[in-house]
Amino acid sequence: VKFFECEINKIKVKMRKGIGHEWTKYCEDCLLLFFDKDKKTFAIFDGVSGNRDGNGGKASRLAAKILLKFLPEINEKNLYNKMEEYKDECVKEISSGETTALILFLFNERNCVLFNKGDSYCFNGKELVNTTHGFGSLLTLWLNTKEGFEVKTFEKKEKVIMCSDGIMNDFDDLAYIEIF
């Protein structure tokens, strides 16, 4: 079992590669934390290898790299257009495997915008913010599909928790970000 945990600026991060997915040699999830003077961005990419070949991990890391290209340009005025451009780039570039992404933008300490495609979760205090796009082990919507993001805006409560579906299924594979 491989495990990673750290705390940065009131942000707690955990990642665990469990034994449940024996066909992969590495964790298929990817975390992204981006800080600049205007915004904080946190993302979980929950890689899925439908063919049990590890391509979900490659796809999740590629989706994070693509997002890093867009983040310096994103601001409150162009946020929705840039996120559509980002999604279109993922559709074009990610050809093998699937990935699901949960992306949270914090423009200040209270106002939040969540972009979601997939079966990961976002909690604002004890309330679930997003809809999950899957049931059981079947994923119904992922990042590199042409459908748009589910977008939610909300005011931050005591803390926001983002996690992959692994934390709800069996704690074996998980990715977790807690924002105080």
Protein backbone atom coordinates (compact mmCIF):
# COMPACT_ATOMS: atom_id res chain seq x y z
CA VAL A 1 0.00 0.00 0.00
CA LYS A 2 1.36 3.42 -0.95
CA PHE A 3 0.27 6.45 1.06
CA PHE A 4 0.86 10.21 0.82
CA GLU A 5 -0.29 12.85 3.32
CA CYS A 6 0.58 16.52 3.86
CA GLU A 7 -0.82 19.83 5.09
CA ILE A 8 -0.21 23.14 3.28
CA ASN A 9 -1.76 26.50 4.23
CA LYS A 10 -4.87 25.08 5.97
CA ILE A 11 -5.24 22.45 3.23
CA LYS A 12 -5.00 18.77 4.18
CA VAL A 13 -4.20 16.31 1.40
CA LYS A 14 -4.26 12.51 1.48
CA MET A 15 -3.75 9.94 -1.23
CA ARG A 16 -3.66 6.16 -0.93
CA LYS A 17 -3.00 3.48 -3.51
CA GLY A 18 -4.65 0.37 -2.17
CA ILE A 19 -4.40 -3.27 -3.09
CA GLY A 20 -7.81 -3.46 -4.75
CA HIS A 21 -6.57 -2.57 -8.23
CA GLU A 22 -3.85 -5.16 -8.71
CA TRP A 23 -3.60 -4.52 -12.48
CA THR A 24 -2.03 -1.11 -11.96
CA LYS A 25 1.50 -0.56 -10.75
CA TYR A 26 0.76 3.01 -9.61
CA CYS A 27 -2.00 5.17 -8.25
CA GLU A 28 -4.47 6.22 -10.94
CA ASP A 29 -5.55 9.39 -9.14
CA CYS A 30 -3.93 12.80 -9.40
CA LEU A 31 -4.24 15.84 -7.11
CA LEU A 32 -3.67 19.46 -8.10
CA LEU A 33 -3.28 22.44 -5.76
CA PHE A 34 -2.71 25.81 -7.43
CA PHE A 35 -2.20 29.08 -5.57
CA ASP A 36 -1.74 32.53 -7.03
CA LYS A 37 -2.59 36.05 -5.88
CA ASP A 38 -6.17 35.98 -7.25
CA LYS A 39 -7.35 32.42 -6.72
CA LYS A 40 -6.84 29.05 -5.15
CA THR A 41 -7.67 25.99 -7.21
CA PHE A 42 -7.92 22.43 -5.96
CA ALA A 43 -8.64 19.39 -8.13
CA ILE A 44 -8.97 15.65 -7.81
CA PHE A 45 -8.66 13.56 -10.96
CA ASP A 46 -9.90 10.04 -10.23
CA GLY A 47 -8.42 7.85 -12.96
CA VAL A 48 -10.44 4.92 -14.27
CA SER A 49 -9.00 2.09 -16.35
CA GLY A 50 -11.95 0.37 -17.94
CA ASN A 51 -9.66 -2.11 -19.67
CA ARG A 52 -7.59 -2.73 -16.54
CA ASP A 53 -4.51 -1.40 -18.30
CA GLY A 54 -3.51 1.59 -16.16
CA ASN A 55 -4.54 4.18 -18.77
CA GLY A 56 -6.77 5.92 -16.20
CA GLY A 57 -3.64 7.04 -14.34
CA LYS A 58 -2.07 8.36 -17.53
CA ALA A 59 -5.29 10.18 -18.39
CA SER A 60 -5.64 11.75 -14.92
CA ARG A 61 -2.07 13.09 -15.00
CA LEU A 62 -2.54 14.42 -18.55
CA ALA A 63 -5.79 16.16 -17.50
CA ALA A 64 -3.91 17.84 -14.63
CA LYS A 65 -1.10 18.99 -16.96
CA ILE A 66 -3.64 20.44 -19.40
CA LEU A 67 -5.41 22.29 -16.57
CA LEU A 68 -2.09 23.80 -15.45
CA LYS A 69 -1.79 25.46 -18.87
CA PHE A 70 -5.21 27.13 -18.44
CA LEU A 71 -5.05 28.19 -14.78
CA PRO A 72 -2.86 31.30 -15.12
CA GLU A 73 -5.35 32.75 -17.66
CA ILE A 74 -8.53 31.99 -15.71
CA ASN A 75 -10.28 34.79 -13.83
CA GLU A 76 -13.83 35.45 -12.62
CA LYS A 77 -14.85 37.01 -15.97
CA ASN A 78 -13.67 34.22 -18.27
CA LEU A 79 -14.00 31.24 -15.90
CA TYR A 80 -16.84 29.44 -17.70
CA ASN A 81 -15.42 29.94 -21.21
CA LYS A 82 -11.93 28.82 -20.15
CA MET A 83 -13.31 25.72 -18.43
CA GLU A 84 -15.18 24.80 -21.64
CA GLU A 85 -11.93 25.28 -23.59
CA TYR A 86 -10.18 23.09 -21.02
CA LYS A 87 -12.82 20.35 -21.38
CA ASP A 88 -12.54 20.50 -25.19
CA GLU A 89 -8.75 20.17 -24.94
CA CYS A 90 -9.16 17.09 -22.71
CA VAL A 91 -11.58 15.54 -25.23
CA LYS A 92 -8.99 16.12 -27.96
CA GLU A 93 -5.87 15.02 -26.04
CA ILE A 94 -7.03 12.14 -23.83
CA SER A 95 -7.58 9.28 -26.23
CA SER A 96 -7.06 6.20 -24.08
CA GLY A 97 -8.50 5.38 -20.69
CA GLU A 98 -10.96 7.55 -18.85
CA THR A 99 -10.73 10.04 -16.04
CA THR A 100 -13.17 11.79 -13.80
CA ALA A 101 -12.42 15.23 -12.41
CA LEU A 102 -13.66 17.26 -9.49
CA ILE A 103 -12.41 20.83 -9.67
CA LEU A 104 -12.95 23.54 -7.05
CA PHE A 105 -12.12 27.21 -7.55
CA LEU A 106 -11.93 29.44 -4.49
CA PHE A 107 -11.76 33.12 -5.43
CA ASN A 108 -11.69 34.22 -1.82
CA GLU A 109 -12.14 32.58 1.56
CA ARG A 110 -15.94 32.22 1.24
CA ASN A 111 -17.12 32.14 -2.40
CA CYS A 112 -16.62 28.88 -4.28
CA VAL A 113 -17.35 27.53 -7.74
CA LEU A 114 -17.30 23.76 -8.29
CA PHE A 115 -16.89 22.13 -11.71
CA ASN A 116 -17.72 18.43 -11.64
CA LYS A 117 -17.77 15.50 -14.04
CA GLY A 118 -17.64 12.06 -12.51
CA ASP A 119 -18.31 10.15 -9.33
CA SER A 120 -16.18 12.09 -6.84
CA TYR A 121 -17.71 14.06 -3.98
CA CYS A 122 -17.58 17.62 -2.63
CA PHE A 123 -18.95 18.44 0.82
CA ASN A 124 -19.50 21.95 2.16
CA GLY A 125 -19.60 21.32 5.89
CA LYS A 126 -21.89 18.27 6.11
CA GLU A 127 -23.82 18.99 2.89
CA LEU A 128 -23.07 17.22 -0.41
CA VAL A 129 -22.60 19.96 -3.02
CA ASN A 130 -22.55 18.00 -6.27
CA THR A 131 -24.35 15.21 -8.06
CA THR A 132 -22.30 12.10 -8.74
CA HIS A 133 -22.31 10.73 -12.27
CA GLY A 134 -22.22 7.03 -11.60
CA PHE A 135 -23.78 4.25 -9.60
CA GLY A 136 -22.16 1.18 -8.14
CA SER A 137 -18.98 0.63 -10.11
CA LEU A 138 -20.40 2.15 -13.32
CA LEU A 139 -19.22 5.63 -14.27
CA THR A 140 -21.75 7.49 -16.45
CA LEU A 141 -19.86 10.75 -17.19
CA TRP A 142 -16.15 11.53 -17.22
CA LEU A 143 -13.85 14.41 -18.11
CA ASN A 144 -12.96 13.59 -21.70
CA THR A 145 -16.56 13.45 -22.96
CA LYS A 146 -18.20 16.33 -24.83
CA GLU A 147 -20.92 16.88 -22.21
CA GLY A 148 -20.40 19.99 -20.11
CA PHE A 149 -19.53 20.25 -16.44
CA GLU A 150 -22.02 20.30 -13.62
CA VAL A 151 -21.35 23.74 -12.08
CA LYS A 152 -22.30 24.75 -8.53
CA THR A 153 -21.60 28.02 -6.75
CA PHE A 154 -21.76 28.16 -2.98
CA GLU A 155 -20.57 30.03 0.09
CA LYS A 156 -17.93 28.14 2.07
CA LYS A 157 -18.99 26.89 5.49
CA GLU A 158 -16.58 25.70 8.19
CA LYS A 159 -14.66 23.45 5.76
CA VAL A 160 -14.89 21.95 2.28
CA ILE A 161 -13.96 18.31 1.65
CA MET A 162 -13.34 16.88 -1.81
CA CYS A 163 -12.76 13.15 -2.21
CA SER A 164 -12.69 10.44 -4.83
CA ASP A 165 -15.36 7.77 -4.73
CA GLY A 166 -12.80 5.37 -3.24
CA ILE A 167 -13.33 6.98 0.14
CA MET A 168 -17.03 6.08 -0.02
CA ASN A 169 -16.60 2.60 -1.49
CA ASP A 170 -13.93 0.92 0.60
CA PHE A 171 -11.16 3.34 1.65
CA ASP A 172 -8.77 1.18 -0.41
CA ASP A 173 -7.93 3.72 -3.13
CA LEU A 174 -8.65 7.31 -2.23
CA ALA A 175 -7.78 10.90 -2.98
CA TYR A 176 -8.81 13.53 -0.44
CA ILE A 177 -8.51 17.32 -0.04
CA GLU A 178 -9.80 19.12 3.05
CA ILE A 179 -9.95 22.94 2.96
CA PHE A 180 -10.29 24.70 6.33
